[in-house]
Amino acid sequence: MKPVYVEVIAKVLTTYDHCYRCELIFDQVGINRKIHRRDVNEYPEEAKEEFLRLSDWIRELAELYRHRILIRVIDAQSPMGIFKSIRHRAWNYPAFIVERKDKYGGWNREMLEALIDRHL
């Protein structure tokens, strides 16, 4: 059975990486985590809370559906996220695109699970 493909378009917390060699050195010295933590801490609390809520929700969906679902998270502010938002007219985030055609935007778990269940 082919898994149901779900794209999640959402506002994602972004950190900036350095070149590959610098990342290796920073990892060895132990400052790489501090740099990324500082980047994340600069976001407003509500953005961090929303991202954590979405992360928990995606983990729960992955656990519930196991091998029957394939989830891809797309940053709403990336070129791909902008393209997908326009293509599917997804203006409320998080937006869930199920099997590249059905769309749901918002936080209602039952509605999203019903949409996924229709494709199983």
PDB file of N, CA and C in Angstrom:
ATOM      1  N   MET A   1       0.844  -1.183   0.000  1.00  0.00           N
ATOM      2  CA  MET A   1       0.000   0.000   0.000  1.00  0.00           C
ATOM      3  C   MET A   1       0.887   1.244   0.000  1.00  0.00           C
ATOM      4  N   LYS A   2       0.598   2.143  -0.891  1.00  0.00           N
ATOM      5  CA  LYS A   2       1.353   3.385  -1.011  1.00  0.00           C
ATOM      6  C   LYS A   2       0.957   4.349   0.115  1.00  0.00           C
ATOM      7  N   PRO A   3       1.958   4.975   0.793  1.00  0.00           N
ATOM      8  CA  PRO A   3       1.605   5.898   1.875  1.00  0.00           C
ATOM      9  C   PRO A   3       0.950   7.173   1.344  1.00  0.00           C
ATOM     10  N   VAL A   4       0.108   7.761   2.177  1.00  0.00           N
ATOM     11  CA  VAL A   4      -0.539   9.031   1.851  1.00  0.00           C
ATOM     12  C   VAL A   4       0.506  10.130   2.006  1.00  0.00           C
ATOM     13  N   TYR A   5       0.637  10.974   0.978  1.00  0.00           N
ATOM     14  CA  TYR A   5       1.631  12.043   0.968  1.00  0.00           C
ATOM     15  C   TYR A   5       1.005  13.321   1.509  1.00  0.00           C
ATOM     16  N   VAL A   6       1.578  13.857   2.578  1.00  0.00           N
ATOM     17  CA  VAL A   6       1.071  15.074   3.216  1.00  0.00           C
ATOM     18  C   VAL A   6       2.179  16.118   3.242  1.00  0.00           C
ATOM     19  N   GLU A   7       1.916  17.258   2.616  1.00  0.00           N
ATOM     20  CA  GLU A   7       2.845  18.384   2.679  1.00  0.00           C
ATOM     21  C   GLU A   7       2.306  19.360   3.718  1.00  0.00           C
ATOM     22  N   VAL A   8       3.177  19.821   4.591  1.00  0.00           N
ATOM     23  CA  VAL A   8       2.810  20.772   5.631  1.00  0.00           C
ATOM     24  C   VAL A   8       3.522  22.081   5.321  1.00  0.00           C
ATOM     25  N   ILE A   9       2.752  23.101   5.000  1.00  0.00           N
ATOM     26  CA  ILE A   9       3.322  24.428   4.754  1.00  0.00           C
ATOM     27  C   ILE A   9       3.130  25.218   6.041  1.00  0.00           C
ATOM     28  N   ALA A  10       4.241  25.652   6.625  1.00  0.00           N
ATOM     29  CA  ALA A  10       4.162  26.315   7.926  1.00  0.00           C
ATOM     30  C   ALA A  10       5.315  27.293   8.083  1.00  0.00           C
ATOM     31  N   LYS A  11       5.149  28.174   9.031  1.00  0.00           N
ATOM     32  CA  LYS A  11       6.230  29.079   9.407  1.00  0.00           C
ATOM     33  C   LYS A  11       7.224  28.288  10.241  1.00  0.00           C
ATOM     34  N   VAL A  12       8.432  28.170   9.728  1.00  0.00           N
ATOM     35  CA  VAL A  12       9.452  27.335  10.352  1.00  0.00           C
ATOM     36  C   VAL A  12      10.529  28.225  10.966  1.00  0.00           C
ATOM     37  N   LEU A  13      11.012  27.834  12.134  1.00  0.00           N
ATOM     38  CA  LEU A  13      12.120  28.562  12.752  1.00  0.00           C
ATOM     39  C   LEU A  13      13.390  28.225  11.978  1.00  0.00           C
ATOM     40  N   THR A  14      14.105  29.239  11.558  1.00  0.00           N
ATOM     41  CA  THR A  14      15.282  29.047  10.718  1.00  0.00           C
ATOM     42  C   THR A  14      16.534  29.462  11.467  1.00  0.00           C
ATOM     43  N   THR A  15      17.575  28.667  11.318  1.00  0.00           N
ATOM     44  CA  THR A  15      18.885  29.050  11.830  1.00  0.00           C
ATOM     45  C   THR A  15      19.824  29.130  10.639  1.00  0.00           C
ATOM     46  N   TYR A  16      20.856  29.890  10.776  1.00  0.00           N
ATOM     47  CA  TYR A  16      21.804  30.057   9.686  1.00  0.00           C
ATOM     48  C   TYR A  16      23.013  29.178   9.923  1.00  0.00           C
ATOM     49  N   ASP A  17      23.353  28.429   8.904  1.00  0.00           N
ATOM     50  CA  ASP A  17      24.507  27.553   8.984  1.00  0.00           C
ATOM     51  C   ASP A  17      25.699  28.218   8.317  1.00  0.00           C
ATOM     52  N   HIS A  18      26.847  27.718   8.673  1.00  0.00           N
ATOM     53  CA  HIS A  18      28.083  28.202   8.089  1.00  0.00           C
ATOM     54  C   HIS A  18      28.530  27.199   7.037  1.00  0.00           C
ATOM     55  N   CYS A  19      29.660  27.455   6.430  1.00  0.00           N
ATOM     56  CA  CYS A  19      30.179  26.504   5.448  1.00  0.00           C
ATOM     57  C   CYS A  19      30.477  25.175   6.144  1.00  0.00           C
ATOM     58  N   TYR A  20      30.593  24.129   5.371  1.00  0.00           N
ATOM     59  CA  TYR A  20      30.773  22.781   5.912  1.00  0.00           C
ATOM     60  C   TYR A  20      31.991  22.695   6.826  1.00  0.00           C
ATOM     61  N   ARG A  21      33.097  23.277   6.419  1.00  0.00           N
ATOM     62  CA  ARG A  21      34.319  23.209   7.235  1.00  0.00           C
ATOM     63  C   ARG A  21      34.155  23.969   8.551  1.00  0.00           C
ATOM     64  N   CYS A  22      33.528  25.125   8.486  1.00  0.00           N
ATOM     65  CA  CYS A  22      33.302  25.899   9.710  1.00  0.00           C
ATOM     66  C   CYS A  22      32.375  25.149  10.665  1.00  0.00           C
ATOM     67  N   GLU A  23      31.329  24.494  10.114  1.00  0.00           N
ATOM     68  CA  GLU A  23      30.418  23.717  10.946  1.00  0.00           C
ATOM     69  C   GLU A  23      31.176  22.612  11.682  1.00  0.00           C
ATOM     70  N   LEU A  24      32.077  21.937  10.987  1.00  0.00           N
ATOM     71  CA  LEU A  24      32.870  20.873  11.623  1.00  0.00           C
ATOM     72  C   LEU A  24      33.712  21.421  12.770  1.00  0.00           C
ATOM     73  N   ILE A  25      34.354  22.556  12.519  1.00  0.00           N
ATOM     74  CA  ILE A  25      35.195  23.162  13.556  1.00  0.00           C
ATOM     75  C   ILE A  25      34.343  23.614  14.739  1.00  0.00           C
ATOM     76  N   PHE A  26      33.222  24.280  14.459  1.00  0.00           N
ATOM     77  CA  PHE A  26      32.351  24.745  15.532  1.00  0.00           C
ATOM     78  C   PHE A  26      31.812  23.570  16.346  1.00  0.00           C
ATOM     79  N   ASP A  27      31.496  22.446  15.671  1.00  0.00           N
ATOM     80  CA  ASP A  27      31.038  21.262  16.390  1.00  0.00           C
ATOM     81  C   ASP A  27      32.121  20.737  17.321  1.00  0.00           C
ATOM     82  N   GLN A  28      33.354  20.687  16.840  1.00  0.00           N
ATOM     83  CA  GLN A  28      34.461  20.171  17.641  1.00  0.00           C
ATOM     84  C   GLN A  28      34.727  21.045  18.860  1.00  0.00           C
ATOM     85  N   VAL A  29      34.621  22.347  18.673  1.00  0.00           N
ATOM     86  CA  VAL A  29      34.891  23.288  19.763  1.00  0.00           C
ATOM     87  C   VAL A  29      33.701  23.360  20.728  1.00  0.00           C
ATOM     88  N   GLY A  30      32.512  22.994  20.234  1.00  0.00           N
ATOM     89  CA  GLY A  30      31.332  22.980  21.089  1.00  0.00           C
ATOM     90  C   GLY A  30      30.524  24.263  21.086  1.00  0.00           C
ATOM     91  N   ILE A  31      30.726  25.115  20.099  1.00  0.00           N
ATOM     92  CA  ILE A  31      29.971  26.372  20.082  1.00  0.00           C
ATOM     93  C   ILE A  31      28.842  26.375  19.061  1.00  0.00           C
ATOM     94  N   ASN A  32      28.747  25.326  18.232  1.00  0.00           N
ATOM     95  CA  ASN A  32      27.720  25.293  17.195  1.00  0.00           C
ATOM     96  C   ASN A  32      26.315  25.324  17.788  1.00  0.00           C
ATOM     97  N   ARG A  33      26.079  24.557  18.854  1.00  0.00           N
ATOM     98  CA  ARG A  33      24.760  24.559  19.493  1.00  0.00           C
ATOM     99  C   ARG A  33      24.415  25.928  20.050  1.00  0.00           C
ATOM    100  N   LYS A  34      25.407  26.609  20.612  1.00  0.00           N
ATOM    101  CA  LYS A  34      25.166  27.937  21.172  1.00  0.00           C
ATOM    102  C   LYS A  34      24.736  28.911  20.077  1.00  0.00           C
ATOM    103  N   ILE A  35      25.368  28.812  18.912  1.00  0.00           N
ATOM    104  CA  ILE A  35      25.024  29.703  17.796  1.00  0.00           C
ATOM    105  C   ILE A  35      23.588  29.450  17.349  1.00  0.00           C
ATOM    106  N   HIS A  36      23.216  28.177  17.155  1.00  0.00           N
ATOM    107  CA  HIS A  36      21.862  27.848  16.705  1.00  0.00           C
ATOM    108  C   HIS A  36      20.823  28.180  17.775  1.00  0.00           C
ATOM    109  N   ARG A  37      21.151  27.945  19.034  1.00  0.00           N
ATOM    110  CA  ARG A  37      20.227  28.276  20.125  1.00  0.00           C
ATOM    111  C   ARG A  37      19.983  29.782  20.159  1.00  0.00           C
ATOM    112  N   ARG A  38      21.040  30.572  19.954  1.00  0.00           N
ATOM    113  CA  ARG A  38      20.893  32.027  19.938  1.00  0.00           C
ATOM    114  C   ARG A  38      19.975  32.457  18.790  1.00  0.00           C
ATOM    115  N   ASP A  39      20.141  31.839  17.604  1.00  0.00           N
ATOM    116  CA  ASP A  39      19.282  32.162  16.461  1.00  0.00           C
ATOM    117  C   ASP A  39      17.818  31.894  16.791  1.00  0.00           C
ATOM    118  N   VAL A  40      17.532  30.742  17.373  1.00  0.00           N
ATOM    119  CA  VAL A  40      16.156  30.364  17.700  1.00  0.00           C
ATOM    120  C   VAL A  40      15.597  31.259  18.795  1.00  0.00           C
ATOM    121  N   ASN A  41      16.402  31.623  19.776  1.00  0.00           N
ATOM    122  CA  ASN A  41      15.927  32.458  20.883  1.00  0.00           C
ATOM    123  C   ASN A  41      15.568  33.874  20.459  1.00  0.00           C
ATOM    124  N   GLU A  42      15.980  34.294  19.274  1.00  0.00           N
ATOM    125  CA  GLU A  42      15.643  35.625  18.792  1.00  0.00           C
ATOM    126  C   GLU A  42      14.214  35.720  18.248  1.00  0.00           C
ATOM    127  N   TYR A  43      13.565  34.580  18.059  1.00  0.00           N
ATOM    128  CA  TYR A  43      12.177  34.580  17.605  1.00  0.00           C
ATOM    129  C   TYR A  43      11.257  34.947  18.760  1.00  0.00           C
ATOM    130  N   PRO A  44      10.093  35.544  18.459  1.00  0.00           N
ATOM    131  CA  PRO A  44       9.114  35.834  19.518  1.00  0.00           C
ATOM    132  C   PRO A  44       8.594  34.530  20.140  1.00  0.00           C
ATOM    133  N   GLU A  45       8.173  34.609  21.384  1.00  0.00           N
ATOM    134  CA  GLU A  45       7.690  33.433  22.108  1.00  0.00           C
ATOM    135  C   GLU A  45       6.533  32.756  21.382  1.00  0.00           C
ATOM    136  N   GLU A  46       5.600  33.535  20.837  1.00  0.00           N
ATOM    137  CA  GLU A  46       4.441  32.929  20.167  1.00  0.00           C
ATOM    138  C   GLU A  46       4.862  32.129  18.938  1.00  0.00           C
ATOM    139  N   ALA A  47       5.888  32.571  18.219  1.00  0.00           N
ATOM    140  CA  ALA A  47       6.382  31.821  17.055  1.00  0.00           C
ATOM    141  C   ALA A  47       7.011  30.507  17.502  1.00  0.00           C
ATOM    142  N   LYS A  48       7.766  30.551  18.590  1.00  0.00           N
ATOM    143  CA  LYS A  48       8.384  29.326  19.106  1.00  0.00           C
ATOM    144  C   LYS A  48       7.327  28.347  19.609  1.00  0.00           C
ATOM    145  N   GLU A  49       6.312  28.859  20.297  1.00  0.00           N
ATOM    146  CA  GLU A  49       5.248  27.996  20.811  1.00  0.00           C
ATOM    147  C   GLU A  49       4.463  27.353  19.671  1.00  0.00           C
ATOM    148  N   GLU A  50       4.173  28.134  18.631  1.00  0.00           N
ATOM    149  CA  GLU A  50       3.439  27.595  17.480  1.00  0.00           C
ATOM    150  C   GLU A  50       4.262  26.512  16.782  1.00  0.00           C
ATOM    151  N   PHE A  51       5.557  26.735  16.645  1.00  0.00           N
ATOM    152  CA  PHE A  51       6.420  25.748  16.010  1.00  0.00           C
ATOM    153  C   PHE A  51       6.485  24.463  16.842  1.00  0.00           C
ATOM    154  N   LEU A  52       6.584  24.592  18.153  1.00  0.00           N
ATOM    155  CA  LEU A  52       6.597  23.406  19.022  1.00  0.00           C
ATOM    156  C   LEU A  52       5.273  22.654  18.961  1.00  0.00           C
ATOM    157  N   ARG A  53       4.185  23.398  18.923  1.00  0.00           N
ATOM    158  CA  ARG A  53       2.862  22.770  18.816  1.00  0.00           C
ATOM    159  C   ARG A  53       2.751  21.984  17.513  1.00  0.00           C
ATOM    160  N   LEU A  54       3.206  22.582  16.418  1.00  0.00           N
ATOM    161  CA  LEU A  54       3.171  21.902  15.126  1.00  0.00           C
ATOM    162  C   LEU A  54       4.092  20.688  15.128  1.00  0.00           C
ATOM    163  N   SER A  55       5.268  20.815  15.696  1.00  0.00           N
ATOM    164  CA  SER A  55       6.206  19.689  15.766  1.00  0.00           C
ATOM    165  C   SER A  55       5.591  18.521  16.526  1.00  0.00           C
ATOM    166  N   ASP A  56       4.954  18.815  17.650  1.00  0.00           N
ATOM    167  CA  ASP A  56       4.300  17.766  18.431  1.00  0.00           C
ATOM    168  C   ASP A  56       3.178  17.106  17.630  1.00  0.00           C
ATOM    169  N   TRP A  57       2.415  17.924  16.936  1.00  0.00           N
ATOM    170  CA  TRP A  57       1.294  17.425  16.149  1.00  0.00           C
ATOM    171  C   TRP A  57       1.784  16.514  15.021  1.00  0.00           C
ATOM    172  N   ILE A  58       2.856  16.907  14.353  1.00  0.00           N
ATOM    173  CA  ILE A  58       3.404  16.094  13.266  1.00  0.00           C
ATOM    174  C   ILE A  58       3.940  14.769  13.812  1.00  0.00           C
ATOM    175  N   ARG A  59       4.608  14.820  14.948  1.00  0.00           N
ATOM    176  CA  ARG A  59       5.093  13.579  15.572  1.00  0.00           C
ATOM    177  C   ARG A  59       3.928  12.644  15.921  1.00  0.00           C
ATOM    178  N   GLU A  60       2.854  13.215  16.446  1.00  0.00           N
ATOM    179  CA  GLU A  60       1.682  12.406  16.796  1.00  0.00           C
ATOM    180  C   GLU A  60       1.032  11.808  15.554  1.00  0.00           C
ATOM    181  N   LEU A  61       0.953  12.573  14.468  1.00  0.00           N
ATOM    182  CA  LEU A  61       0.409  12.042  13.217  1.00  0.00           C
ATOM    183  C   LEU A  61       1.278  10.908  12.686  1.00  0.00           C
ATOM    184  N   ALA A  62       2.589  11.103  12.734  1.00  0.00           N
ATOM    185  CA  ALA A  62       3.513  10.070  12.268  1.00  0.00           C
ATOM    186  C   ALA A  62       3.372   8.804  13.100  1.00  0.00           C
ATOM    187  N   GLU A  63       3.165   8.953  14.393  1.00  0.00           N
ATOM    188  CA  GLU A  63       2.986   7.800  15.274  1.00  0.00           C
ATOM    189  C   GLU A  63       1.644   7.114  15.014  1.00  0.00           C
ATOM    190  N   LEU A  64       0.604   7.900  14.822  1.00  0.00           N
ATOM    191  CA  LEU A  64      -0.733   7.364  14.604  1.00  0.00           C
ATOM    192  C   LEU A  64      -0.826   6.577  13.295  1.00  0.00           C
ATOM    193  N   TYR A  65      -0.277   7.151  12.220  1.00  0.00           N
ATOM    194  CA  TYR A  65      -0.405   6.534  10.901  1.00  0.00           C
ATOM    195  C   TYR A  65       0.795   5.672  10.518  1.00  0.00           C
ATOM    196  N   ARG A  66       1.867   5.771  11.259  1.00  0.00           N
ATOM    197  CA  ARG A  66       3.089   4.988  11.046  1.00  0.00           C
ATOM    198  C   ARG A  66       3.511   4.962   9.586  1.00  0.00           C
ATOM    199  N   HIS A  67       3.552   3.793   8.983  1.00  0.00           N
ATOM    200  CA  HIS A  67       4.049   3.631   7.617  1.00  0.00           C
ATOM    201  C   HIS A  67       3.014   4.016   6.554  1.00  0.00           C
ATOM    202  N   ARG A  68       1.813   4.399   6.959  1.00  0.00           N
ATOM    203  CA  ARG A  68       0.764   4.730   5.997  1.00  0.00           C
ATOM    204  C   ARG A  68       0.775   6.195   5.585  1.00  0.00           C
ATOM    205  N   ILE A  69       1.724   6.980   6.112  1.00  0.00           N
ATOM    206  CA  ILE A  69       1.760   8.407   5.806  1.00  0.00           C
ATOM    207  C   ILE A  69       3.206   8.843   5.581  1.00  0.00           C
ATOM    208  N   LEU A  70       3.386   9.773   4.665  1.00  0.00           N
ATOM    209  CA  LEU A  70       4.684  10.380   4.391  1.00  0.00           C
ATOM    210  C   LEU A  70       4.504  11.884   4.518  1.00  0.00           C
ATOM    211  N   ILE A  71       5.230  12.500   5.441  1.00  0.00           N
ATOM    212  CA  ILE A  71       5.050  13.920   5.752  1.00  0.00           C
ATOM    213  C   ILE A  71       6.274  14.701   5.294  1.00  0.00           C
ATOM    214  N   ARG A  72       6.022  15.829   4.628  1.00  0.00           N
ATOM    215  CA  ARG A  72       7.088  16.740   4.211  1.00  0.00           C
ATOM    216  C   ARG A  72       6.728  18.135   4.713  1.00  0.00           C
ATOM    217  N   VAL A  73       7.641  18.736   5.464  1.00  0.00           N
ATOM    218  CA  VAL A  73       7.419  20.082   5.997  1.00  0.00           C
ATOM    219  C   VAL A  73       8.106  21.084   5.076  1.00  0.00           C
ATOM    220  N   ILE A  74       7.373  22.126   4.702  1.00  0.00           N
ATOM    221  CA  ILE A  74       7.878  23.159   3.797  1.00  0.00           C
ATOM    222  C   ILE A  74       7.754  24.508   4.501  1.00  0.00           C
ATOM    223  N   ASP A  75       8.846  25.250   4.529  1.00  0.00           N
ATOM    224  CA  ASP A  75       8.839  26.585   5.133  1.00  0.00           C
ATOM    225  C   ASP A  75       7.977  27.509   4.273  1.00  0.00           C
ATOM    226  N   ALA A  76       6.989  28.136   4.879  1.00  0.00           N
ATOM    227  CA  ALA A  76       6.069  29.017   4.164  1.00  0.00           C
ATOM    228  C   ALA A  76       6.778  30.207   3.534  1.00  0.00           C
ATOM    229  N   GLN A  77       7.951  30.583   4.061  1.00  0.00           N
ATOM    230  CA  GLN A  77       8.663  31.749   3.548  1.00  0.00           C
ATOM    231  C   GLN A  77       9.717  31.390   2.505  1.00  0.00           C
ATOM    232  N   SER A  78       9.864  30.097   2.207  1.00  0.00           N
ATOM    233  CA  SER A  78      10.818  29.675   1.182  1.00  0.00           C
ATOM    234  C   SER A  78      10.170  29.814  -0.198  1.00  0.00           C
ATOM    235  N   PRO A  79      10.973  29.821  -1.245  1.00  0.00           N
ATOM    236  CA  PRO A  79      10.374  29.884  -2.592  1.00  0.00           C
ATOM    237  C   PRO A  79       9.372  28.746  -2.834  1.00  0.00           C
ATOM    238  N   MET A  80       9.684  27.537  -2.389  1.00  0.00           N
ATOM    239  CA  MET A  80       8.762  26.411  -2.553  1.00  0.00           C
ATOM    240  C   MET A  80       7.489  26.632  -1.746  1.00  0.00           C
ATOM    241  N   GLY A  81       7.625  27.161  -0.520  1.00  0.00           N
ATOM    242  CA  GLY A  81       6.461  27.433   0.308  1.00  0.00           C
ATOM    243  C   GLY A  81       5.557  28.494  -0.301  1.00  0.00           C
ATOM    244  N   ILE A  82       6.146  29.523  -0.863  1.00  0.00           N
ATOM    245  CA  ILE A  82       5.360  30.575  -1.524  1.00  0.00           C
ATOM    246  C   ILE A  82       4.639  29.996  -2.737  1.00  0.00           C
ATOM    247  N   PHE A  83       5.364  29.207  -3.530  1.00  0.00           N
ATOM    248  CA  PHE A  83       4.773  28.578  -4.707  1.00  0.00           C
ATOM    249  C   PHE A  83       3.595  27.679  -4.315  1.00  0.00           C
ATOM    250  N   LYS A  84       3.802  26.820  -3.323  1.00  0.00           N
ATOM    251  CA  LYS A  84       2.751  25.899  -2.893  1.00  0.00           C
ATOM    252  C   LYS A  84       1.554  26.656  -2.311  1.00  0.00           C
ATOM    253  N   SER A  85       1.824  27.721  -1.555  1.00  0.00           N
ATOM    254  CA  SER A  85       0.734  28.512  -0.979  1.00  0.00           C
ATOM    255  C   SER A  85      -0.120  29.139  -2.075  1.00  0.00           C
ATOM    256  N   ILE A  86       0.531  29.670  -3.103  1.00  0.00           N
ATOM    257  CA  ILE A  86      -0.207  30.287  -4.214  1.00  0.00           C
ATOM    258  C   ILE A  86      -0.952  29.212  -5.001  1.00  0.00           C
ATOM    259  N   ARG A  87      -0.269  28.134  -5.318  1.00  0.00           N
ATOM    260  CA  ARG A  87      -0.862  27.070  -6.132  1.00  0.00           C
ATOM    261  C   ARG A  87      -2.106  26.471  -5.479  1.00  0.00           C
ATOM    262  N   HIS A  88      -2.048  26.258  -4.168  1.00  0.00           N
ATOM    263  CA  HIS A  88      -3.162  25.628  -3.461  1.00  0.00           C
ATOM    264  C   HIS A  88      -4.049  26.631  -2.732  1.00  0.00           C
ATOM    265  N   ARG A  89      -3.746  27.913  -2.903  1.00  0.00           N
ATOM    266  CA  ARG A  89      -4.493  28.981  -2.236  1.00  0.00           C
ATOM    267  C   ARG A  89      -4.565  28.740  -0.728  1.00  0.00           C
ATOM    268  N   ALA A  90      -3.408  28.442  -0.181  1.00  0.00           N
ATOM    269  CA  ALA A  90      -3.291  28.148   1.253  1.00  0.00           C
ATOM    270  C   ALA A  90      -2.777  29.395   1.956  1.00  0.00           C
ATOM    271  N   TRP A  91      -3.680  30.115   2.591  1.00  0.00           N
ATOM    272  CA  TRP A  91      -3.288  31.367   3.246  1.00  0.00           C
ATOM    273  C   TRP A  91      -3.263  31.239   4.759  1.00  0.00           C
ATOM    274  N   ASN A  92      -3.843  30.187   5.300  1.00  0.00           N
ATOM    275  CA  ASN A  92      -3.816  29.943   6.752  1.00  0.00           C
ATOM    276  C   ASN A  92      -2.767  28.884   7.046  1.00  0.00           C
ATOM    277  N   TYR A  93      -1.903  29.186   8.006  1.00  0.00           N
ATOM    278  CA  TYR A  93      -0.845  28.234   8.358  1.00  0.00           C
ATOM    279  C   TYR A  93      -1.080  27.696   9.762  1.00  0.00           C
ATOM    280  N   PRO A  94      -0.777  26.449   9.996  1.00  0.00           N
ATOM    281  CA  PRO A  94      -0.211  25.512   9.046  1.00  0.00           C
ATOM    282  C   PRO A  94      -1.249  25.078   8.020  1.00  0.00           C
ATOM    283  N   ALA A  95      -0.765  24.826   6.806  1.00  0.00           N
ATOM    284  CA  ALA A  95      -1.614  24.323   5.727  1.00  0.00           C
ATOM    285  C   ALA A  95      -1.151  22.911   5.394  1.00  0.00           C
ATOM    286  N   PHE A  96      -2.096  22.017   5.224  1.00  0.00           N
ATOM    287  CA  PHE A  96      -1.805  20.622   4.937  1.00  0.00           C
ATOM    288  C   PHE A  96      -2.346  20.301   3.551  1.00  0.00           C
ATOM    289  N   ILE A  97      -1.475  19.860   2.664  1.00  0.00           N
ATOM    290  CA  ILE A  97      -1.863  19.453   1.325  1.00  0.00           C
ATOM    291  C   ILE A  97      -1.761  17.929   1.290  1.00  0.00           C
ATOM    292  N   VAL A  98      -2.892  17.266   1.124  1.00  0.00           N
ATOM    293  CA  VAL A  98      -2.935  15.809   1.170  1.00  0.00           C
ATOM    294  C   VAL A  98      -3.043  15.273  -0.256  1.00  0.00           C
ATOM    295  N   GLU A  99      -2.101  14.405  -0.606  1.00  0.00           N
ATOM    296  CA  GLU A  99      -2.052  13.781  -1.929  1.00  0.00           C
ATOM    297  C   GLU A  99      -2.068  14.825  -3.057  1.00  0.00           C
ATOM    298  N   ARG A 100      -1.410  15.935  -2.815  1.00  0.00           N
ATOM    299  CA  ARG A 100      -1.195  17.002  -3.799  1.00  0.00           C
ATOM    300  C   ARG A 100      -2.474  17.673  -4.315  1.00  0.00           C
ATOM    301  N   LYS A 101      -3.616  17.421  -3.643  1.00  0.00           N
ATOM    302  CA  LYS A 101      -4.836  18.048  -4.135  1.00  0.00           C
ATOM    303  C   LYS A 101      -5.763  18.565  -3.049  1.00  0.00           C
ATOM    304  N   ASP A 102      -5.991  17.799  -1.997  1.00  0.00           N
ATOM    305  CA  ASP A 102      -6.890  18.249  -0.937  1.00  0.00           C
ATOM    306  C   ASP A 102      -6.140  19.100   0.061  1.00  0.00           C
ATOM    307  N   LYS A 103      -6.799  20.154   0.536  1.00  0.00           N
ATOM    308  CA  LYS A 103      -6.125  21.131   1.393  1.00  0.00           C
ATOM    309  C   LYS A 103      -6.923  21.357   2.662  1.00  0.00           C
ATOM    310  N   TYR A 104      -6.173  21.544   3.756  1.00  0.00           N
ATOM    311  CA  TYR A 104      -6.780  21.987   5.010  1.00  0.00           C
ATOM    312  C   TYR A 104      -5.816  22.960   5.667  1.00  0.00           C
ATOM    313  N   GLY A 105      -6.324  24.071   6.151  1.00  0.00           N
ATOM    314  CA  GLY A 105      -5.501  25.048   6.858  1.00  0.00           C
ATOM    315  C   GLY A 105      -6.069  25.303   8.237  1.00  0.00           C
ATOM    316  N   GLY A 106      -5.248  25.119   9.256  1.00  0.00           N
ATOM    317  CA  GLY A 106      -5.704  25.386  10.607  1.00  0.00           C
ATOM    318  C   GLY A 106      -5.240  24.332  11.584  1.00  0.00           C
ATOM    319  N   TRP A 107      -5.862  24.355  12.772  1.00  0.00           N
ATOM    320  CA  TRP A 107      -5.416  23.516  13.880  1.00  0.00           C
ATOM    321  C   TRP A 107      -6.455  22.477  14.309  1.00  0.00           C
ATOM    322  N   ASN A 108      -7.455  22.192  13.506  1.00  0.00           N
ATOM    323  CA  ASN A 108      -8.471  21.220  13.877  1.00  0.00           C
ATOM    324  C   ASN A 108      -7.985  19.814  13.517  1.00  0.00           C
ATOM    325  N   ARG A 109      -7.580  19.072  14.515  1.00  0.00           N
ATOM    326  CA  ARG A 109      -7.006  17.733  14.321  1.00  0.00           C
ATOM    327  C   ARG A 109      -8.002  16.781  13.663  1.00  0.00           C
ATOM    328  N   GLU A 110      -9.259  16.820  14.092  1.00  0.00           N
ATOM    329  CA  GLU A 110     -10.266  15.902  13.555  1.00  0.00           C
ATOM    330  C   GLU A 110     -10.466  16.116  12.059  1.00  0.00           C
ATOM    331  N   MET A 111     -10.497  17.363  11.626  1.00  0.00           N
ATOM    332  CA  MET A 111     -10.687  17.643  10.203  1.00  0.00           C
ATOM    333  C   MET A 111      -9.505  17.127   9.377  1.00  0.00           C
ATOM    334  N   LEU A 112      -8.299  17.335   9.890  1.00  0.00           N
ATOM    335  CA  LEU A 112      -7.121  16.852   9.172  1.00  0.00           C
ATOM    336  C   LEU A 112      -7.099  15.335   9.116  1.00  0.00           C
ATOM    337  N   GLU A 113      -7.379  14.683  10.227  1.00  0.00           N
ATOM    338  CA  GLU A 113      -7.365  13.218  10.244  1.00  0.00           C
ATOM    339  C   GLU A 113      -8.455  12.649   9.338  1.00  0.00           C
ATOM    340  N   ALA A 114      -9.610  13.299   9.265  1.00  0.00           N
ATOM    341  CA  ALA A 114     -10.672  12.850   8.354  1.00  0.00           C
ATOM    342  C   ALA A 114     -10.217  12.967   6.909  1.00  0.00           C
ATOM    343  N   LEU A 115      -9.518  14.040   6.591  1.00  0.00           N
ATOM    344  CA  LEU A 115      -8.999  14.242   5.234  1.00  0.00           C
ATOM    345  C   LEU A 115      -7.967  13.161   4.884  1.00  0.00           C
ATOM    346  N   ILE A 116      -7.086  12.854   5.817  1.00  0.00           N
ATOM    347  CA  ILE A 116      -6.076  11.797   5.591  1.00  0.00           C
ATOM    348  C   ILE A 116      -6.768  10.444   5.464  1.00  0.00           C
ATOM    349  N   ASP A 117      -7.731  10.184   6.333  1.00  0.00           N
ATOM    350  CA  ASP A 117      -8.442   8.889   6.315  1.00  0.00           C
ATOM    351  C   ASP A 117      -9.153   8.642   4.992  1.00  0.00           C
ATOM    352  N   ARG A 118      -9.646   9.681   4.340  1.00  0.00           N
ATOM    353  CA  ARG A 118     -10.304   9.513   3.049  1.00  0.00           C
ATOM    354  C   ARG A 118      -9.354   8.953   1.992  1.00  0.00           C
ATOM    355  N   HIS A 119      -8.058   9.217   2.166  1.00  0.00           N
ATOM    356  CA  HIS A 119      -7.075   8.768   1.181  1.00  0.00           C
ATOM    357  C   HIS A 119      -6.451   7.422   1.525  1.00  0.00           C
ATOM    358  N   LEU A 120      -6.773   6.880   2.671  1.00  0.00           N
ATOM    359  CA  LEU A 120      -6.204   5.582   3.053  1.00  0.00           C
ATOM    360  C   LEU A 120      -6.965   4.431   2.419  1.00  0.00           C
TER     361      LEU A 120
END
